[in-house]
Protein backbone atom coordinates (compact mmCIF):
# COMPACT_ATOMS: atom_id res chain seq x y z
CA MET A 1 113.22 -172.41 -169.83
CA PRO A 2 115.70 -170.24 -170.99
CA ASP A 3 116.42 -166.79 -169.04
CA LYS A 4 113.94 -163.98 -170.83
CA ILE A 5 115.88 -160.53 -170.52
CA ARG A 6 113.56 -157.68 -169.43
CA ARG A 7 114.93 -153.86 -169.92
CA GLY A 8 111.29 -152.27 -169.40
CA SER A 9 108.29 -152.16 -171.34
CA ASP A 10 105.34 -149.82 -172.27
CA LYS A 11 102.89 -152.68 -171.44
CA LEU A 12 100.39 -152.22 -168.65
CA GLY A 13 100.32 -154.77 -165.64
CA GLN A 14 97.15 -156.40 -164.63
CA MET A 15 96.46 -153.34 -162.31
CA GLY A 16 96.36 -150.98 -165.27
CA LYS A 17 99.65 -149.21 -164.46
CA SER A 18 102.81 -149.12 -166.43
CA ILE A 19 105.46 -152.29 -165.74
CA ASP A 20 108.48 -150.17 -166.86
CA HIS A 21 110.43 -149.51 -163.66
CA THR A 22 112.01 -146.03 -165.41
CA GLU A 23 108.48 -144.42 -165.02
CA TYR A 24 108.21 -144.63 -161.36
CA GLN A 25 111.67 -142.83 -160.81
CA THR A 26 110.64 -139.02 -161.61
CA VAL A 27 107.08 -139.07 -160.07
CA PRO A 28 106.85 -136.25 -157.71
CA ARG A 29 105.77 -138.51 -154.96
CA VAL A 30 108.19 -139.83 -152.02
CA MET A 31 107.07 -143.37 -152.68
CA THR A 32 105.65 -145.11 -155.34
CA ALA A 33 104.86 -148.80 -156.11
CA LEU A 34 104.99 -151.06 -159.14
CA ALA A 35 103.27 -154.44 -159.53
CA ARG A 36 104.48 -156.98 -162.30
CA ASP A 37 103.77 -160.58 -162.65
CA GLU A 38 106.86 -162.84 -164.09
CA PRO A 39 107.30 -166.54 -165.10
CA THR A 40 109.77 -168.82 -164.08
CA GLY A 41 113.28 -167.96 -165.83
CA THR A 42 112.53 -164.37 -166.24
CA TYR A 43 116.06 -162.26 -165.92
CA ILE A 44 116.27 -158.79 -165.39
CA SER A 45 119.73 -157.51 -166.21
CA PRO A 46 121.92 -155.67 -163.95
CA HIS A 47 120.46 -152.13 -163.54
CA SER A 48 120.27 -149.31 -160.98
CA HIS A 49 117.69 -146.81 -159.85
CA PRO A 50 118.05 -143.44 -158.57
CA ARG A 51 115.91 -144.13 -155.85
CA GLY A 52 115.77 -146.36 -153.15
CA GLN A 53 113.87 -149.69 -153.51
CA LEU A 54 112.11 -152.30 -151.52
CA LEU A 55 112.35 -155.68 -153.72
CA TYR A 56 109.27 -157.75 -152.58
CA ALA A 57 107.02 -160.38 -154.13
CA THR A 58 103.90 -161.55 -152.46
CA THR A 59 104.33 -164.96 -154.42
CA GLY A 60 107.02 -166.69 -155.93
CA LEU A 61 110.66 -166.75 -155.01
CA MET A 62 113.44 -164.10 -156.54
CA ARG A 63 116.98 -164.20 -156.71
CA ALA A 64 118.93 -161.06 -156.69
CA ALA A 65 122.55 -160.31 -156.75
CA THR A 66 124.96 -157.13 -156.50
CA GLU A 67 128.81 -157.44 -157.06
CA SER A 68 128.92 -158.02 -152.96
CA GLY A 69 126.17 -160.64 -152.55
CA ILE A 70 123.28 -162.99 -153.62
CA TRP A 71 120.00 -162.74 -151.89
CA LEU A 72 116.96 -165.38 -152.15
CA LEU A 73 113.60 -163.69 -151.54
CA PRO A 74 110.62 -165.70 -150.58
CA PRO A 75 107.27 -164.13 -149.64
CA GLN A 76 107.44 -162.32 -146.35
CA ARG A 77 110.77 -161.15 -146.93
CA GLY A 78 111.95 -158.23 -149.21
CA LEU A 79 115.49 -156.61 -150.24
CA TRP A 80 116.15 -153.32 -149.33
CA ILE A 81 118.26 -151.81 -152.15
CA PRO A 82 119.73 -148.29 -151.55
CA ALA A 83 119.54 -145.96 -154.48
CA GLY A 84 122.15 -146.38 -157.12
CA ILE A 85 123.38 -150.09 -156.19
CA VAL A 86 123.81 -152.12 -159.35
CA HIS A 87 121.77 -155.45 -159.06
CA ASP A 88 120.01 -157.90 -161.53
CA GLN A 89 116.79 -160.34 -160.61
CA LYS A 90 116.02 -163.77 -161.57
CA MET A 91 112.52 -165.26 -160.96
CA LEU A 92 113.14 -169.04 -159.66
CA SER A 93 109.22 -169.50 -159.74
CA PRO A 94 106.03 -167.60 -160.90
CA THR A 95 106.55 -164.31 -158.94
CA SER A 96 103.98 -161.64 -158.39
CA MET A 97 106.30 -158.57 -157.53
CA ARG A 98 104.86 -155.84 -155.52
CA THR A 99 107.92 -153.33 -155.13
CA ILE A 100 108.24 -149.98 -154.06
CA TYR A 101 110.70 -146.91 -154.80
CA ILE A 102 111.48 -144.30 -152.11
CA GLU A 103 112.85 -140.86 -153.19
CA ALA A 104 116.82 -140.80 -152.52
CA GLU A 105 116.67 -138.32 -149.78
CA ALA A 106 114.27 -140.24 -147.77
CA ALA A 107 115.71 -143.52 -148.62
CA ARG A 108 118.99 -142.65 -146.78
CA ARG A 109 117.24 -143.26 -143.36
CA LEU A 110 116.70 -146.87 -144.30
CA GLY A 111 120.70 -147.38 -144.74
CA ASP A 112 123.25 -147.87 -147.56
CA THR A 113 123.72 -151.33 -147.69
CA CYS A 114 121.44 -154.09 -148.88
CA ARG A 115 119.59 -156.25 -146.45
CA THR A 116 116.91 -158.47 -146.27
CA ILE A 117 113.71 -157.62 -144.01
CA GLU A 118 110.86 -159.09 -142.61
CA VAL A 119 107.45 -157.88 -144.53
CA SER A 120 105.14 -157.82 -141.82
CA PRO A 121 101.35 -158.30 -142.67
CA LEU A 122 100.58 -154.81 -142.12
CA LEU A 123 103.49 -153.47 -144.25
CA ARG A 124 102.44 -156.08 -146.90
CA GLU A 125 98.71 -154.56 -146.76
CA LEU A 126 100.22 -151.13 -146.89
CA ILE A 127 102.04 -151.81 -150.11
CA LEU A 128 98.90 -153.29 -151.92
CA ALA A 129 96.94 -150.24 -150.68
CA LEU A 130 99.40 -148.08 -152.34
CA LEU A 131 99.56 -150.21 -155.11
CA ALA A 132 95.92 -149.62 -155.76
CA GLN A 133 96.46 -145.78 -156.43
CA PRO A 134 97.71 -144.33 -159.88
CA ILE A 135 101.38 -144.06 -160.49
CA GLU A 136 100.77 -140.15 -159.50
CA TYR A 137 98.19 -140.70 -156.76
CA PRO A 138 96.41 -138.04 -154.85
CA ALA A 139 98.58 -136.44 -152.50
CA ASP A 140 95.66 -136.64 -149.77
CA ALA A 141 95.30 -137.42 -146.30
CA ARG A 142 94.75 -141.03 -146.84
CA ASN A 143 97.66 -141.38 -149.08
CA GLU A 144 100.09 -139.43 -146.95
CA HIS A 145 99.42 -141.87 -143.95
CA ILE A 146 100.04 -144.99 -145.92
CA VAL A 147 103.29 -143.58 -147.15
CA ALA A 148 104.08 -142.50 -143.49
CA LEU A 149 103.14 -146.01 -142.21
CA ILE A 150 105.16 -147.83 -145.04
CA ALA A 151 108.44 -145.71 -143.84
CA LEU A 152 107.92 -146.55 -140.34
CA GLU A 153 107.37 -150.07 -141.04
CA LEU A 154 110.60 -150.18 -142.98
CA GLU A 155 112.39 -148.29 -140.32
CA THR A 156 111.51 -150.89 -137.73
CA ALA A 157 111.25 -154.13 -139.55
CA ARG A 158 113.65 -157.18 -138.46
CA THR A 159 116.84 -157.55 -140.39
CA MET A 160 117.11 -161.16 -141.60
CA ASP A 161 120.21 -163.17 -142.32
CA LEU A 162 119.50 -164.48 -145.76
CA GLU A 163 122.63 -162.89 -147.52
CA ILE A 164 125.04 -165.02 -149.55
CA PRO A 165 128.00 -162.56 -149.32
CA TRP A 166 130.22 -162.80 -152.65
CA PRO A 167 134.37 -162.78 -152.04
CA ARG A 168 136.76 -161.16 -154.61
CA ASP A 169 139.95 -163.42 -154.13
CA ARG A 170 139.89 -165.50 -157.22
CA ARG A 171 140.44 -168.53 -155.20
CA LEU A 172 137.42 -168.10 -153.18
CA VAL A 173 135.23 -167.17 -156.29
CA SER A 174 136.17 -170.38 -157.70
CA ILE A 175 135.06 -172.29 -154.51
CA CYS A 176 131.87 -170.28 -154.12
CA GLU A 177 130.81 -170.89 -157.76
CA ALA A 178 131.43 -174.55 -157.49
CA ILE A 179 129.58 -174.80 -154.45
CA LEU A 180 126.61 -172.73 -156.08
CA ASP A 181 126.39 -175.30 -158.53
CA LYS A 182 126.36 -178.25 -156.50
CA PRO A 183 125.49 -177.50 -153.00
CA HIS A 184 124.61 -180.80 -152.15
CA GLU A 185 128.25 -181.90 -152.51
CA PRO A 186 130.15 -182.21 -148.99
CA MET A 187 133.37 -180.56 -150.07
CA THR A 188 135.49 -179.06 -146.90
CA LEU A 189 138.20 -176.60 -147.13
CA GLU A 190 140.93 -179.27 -146.86
CA TYR A 191 139.40 -180.77 -149.91
CA TRP A 192 139.53 -177.17 -151.65
CA SER A 193 142.98 -176.15 -150.63
CA LYS A 194 144.27 -178.82 -152.97
CA ILE A 195 142.28 -177.66 -155.75
CA VAL A 196 142.64 -173.87 -155.63
CA GLY A 197 146.27 -173.80 -153.71
CA GLY A 198 146.93 -172.28 -150.23
CA SER A 199 146.54 -174.19 -146.90
CA SER A 200 142.98 -174.74 -145.24
CA ARG A 201 143.94 -172.29 -142.73
CA THR A 202 144.63 -169.68 -145.26
CA LEU A 203 141.17 -170.19 -146.82
CA ILE A 204 139.71 -170.18 -143.29
CA ARG A 205 140.88 -166.62 -142.61
CA LEU A 206 140.07 -165.60 -146.35
CA PHE A 207 136.79 -166.42 -145.90
CA ILE A 208 135.85 -164.46 -142.83
CA LYS A 209 137.91 -161.51 -144.36
CA GLU A 210 135.97 -161.53 -147.33
CA THR A 211 132.95 -162.39 -146.49
CA GLY A 212 132.09 -161.90 -142.83
CA GLN A 213 130.96 -165.39 -142.51
CA THR A 214 132.89 -168.93 -141.64
CA PHE A 215 132.80 -171.20 -144.60
CA ARG A 216 130.64 -173.48 -142.72
CA HIS A 217 127.92 -170.54 -142.27
CA TRP A 218 128.59 -169.35 -145.99
CA VAL A 219 127.93 -172.96 -147.10
CA GLN A 220 124.78 -173.12 -145.02
CA GLN A 221 123.34 -169.85 -146.35
CA VAL A 222 123.81 -171.73 -150.09
CA ARG A 223 122.02 -174.88 -148.97
CA LEU A 224 119.10 -172.70 -147.09
CA ALA A 225 118.77 -170.90 -150.81
CA GLU A 226 118.68 -174.54 -152.39
CA ALA A 227 116.05 -175.69 -149.91
CA LEU A 228 113.82 -172.53 -150.75
CA ARG A 229 114.08 -172.98 -154.23
CA ARG A 230 113.31 -176.83 -154.12
CA LEU A 231 110.47 -175.97 -151.64
CA GLU A 232 108.97 -174.03 -154.48
CA SER A 233 109.05 -176.41 -156.69
CA GLY A 234 107.19 -178.94 -154.73
CA ALA A 235 110.28 -181.20 -153.55
CA PRO A 236 109.12 -183.29 -150.40
CA VAL A 237 110.98 -182.06 -147.10
CA THR A 238 112.34 -185.27 -146.49
CA GLU A 239 113.97 -185.52 -150.05
CA ILE A 240 115.52 -181.99 -149.87
CA ALA A 241 117.12 -183.01 -146.32
CA ASN A 242 118.59 -186.16 -147.68
CA ASP A 243 120.07 -184.67 -151.04
CA LEU A 244 121.43 -181.66 -149.06
CA GLY A 245 123.53 -183.89 -146.70
CA TYR A 246 121.71 -183.26 -143.45
CA ALA A 247 121.75 -186.10 -141.17
CA SER A 248 118.04 -186.45 -140.87
CA PRO A 249 114.85 -184.16 -141.67
CA SER A 250 114.85 -182.97 -138.14
CA ALA A 251 118.48 -181.48 -138.42
CA PHE A 252 117.40 -179.87 -141.66
CA ALA A 253 114.14 -178.48 -140.14
CA ALA A 254 115.94 -177.13 -137.18
CA MET A 255 118.64 -175.16 -139.46
CA PHE A 256 115.33 -173.90 -141.82
CA ARG A 257 113.63 -172.95 -138.54
CA GLN A 258 116.54 -171.00 -137.18
CA ALA A 259 117.19 -169.18 -140.37
CA MET A 260 113.75 -168.63 -141.26
CA GLY A 261 111.67 -168.08 -138.08
CA GLN A 262 109.38 -171.05 -139.17
CA SER A 263 109.44 -174.73 -140.21
CA PRO A 264 109.64 -175.96 -143.47
CA THR A 265 105.94 -176.98 -143.11
CA ASP A 266 104.96 -173.94 -141.65
CA TYR A 267 106.77 -172.02 -144.52
CA LEU A 268 104.99 -174.11 -147.19
CA ALA A 269 101.78 -173.65 -145.44
CA ALA A 270 102.00 -169.85 -145.29
CA ASN A 271 102.99 -169.48 -149.16
CA GLY A 272 101.35 -172.39 -150.91
């Protein structure tokens, strides 16, 4: 399906609230919540918000990107995006986005860089509770407690290593684009040094300098992202492990568990 570009809409979602994110930025509340359901392939072009955002979906798989990195967001994971950060989004499967916006001053407590966090069952239910309220909800004791608990859960949430950092060096950019296009190809830095120029030692140093990761770890992050995408599409674990070049399904499962905190089978059971 070709990408569908969304730049805002005056339509109402299933919860009877606007699905236009711009309407949530000036509400006189510290925190607001938006619900939007999108089909596979929906693309939301680069934009920013005057508020901080927790980009989160209860079901489906999203990809978000800034000039400095790419993130794959399965359920149970959310991306903290500080106010003013330009980002885009693409839905890699049917997605139920349930996101929150936090007034810029309050959002500063959550940091000034993008990061993936673990969305606990409590945080998930708190977000859904806020979503059940109108955009400009009553500022009563119950809602104040919900907002305060969401803020506390965000402050104490575990950060997950799901980022694919993006370099600026033109040689590394060409390498990274090729790997994203074909993550299953076993191409080493020795191979790439002949293609883009420069010794493999130079490329090793550049990768760490520009991405903060070794080349091997960066490739693993890309393959994890591809594995998540293919798991969402229903591909068998054995097929994914073989296609991505792992020695065995158990080797793939060990990598997946280390990164995601659960096995591929448990991930599918939790998000099926």
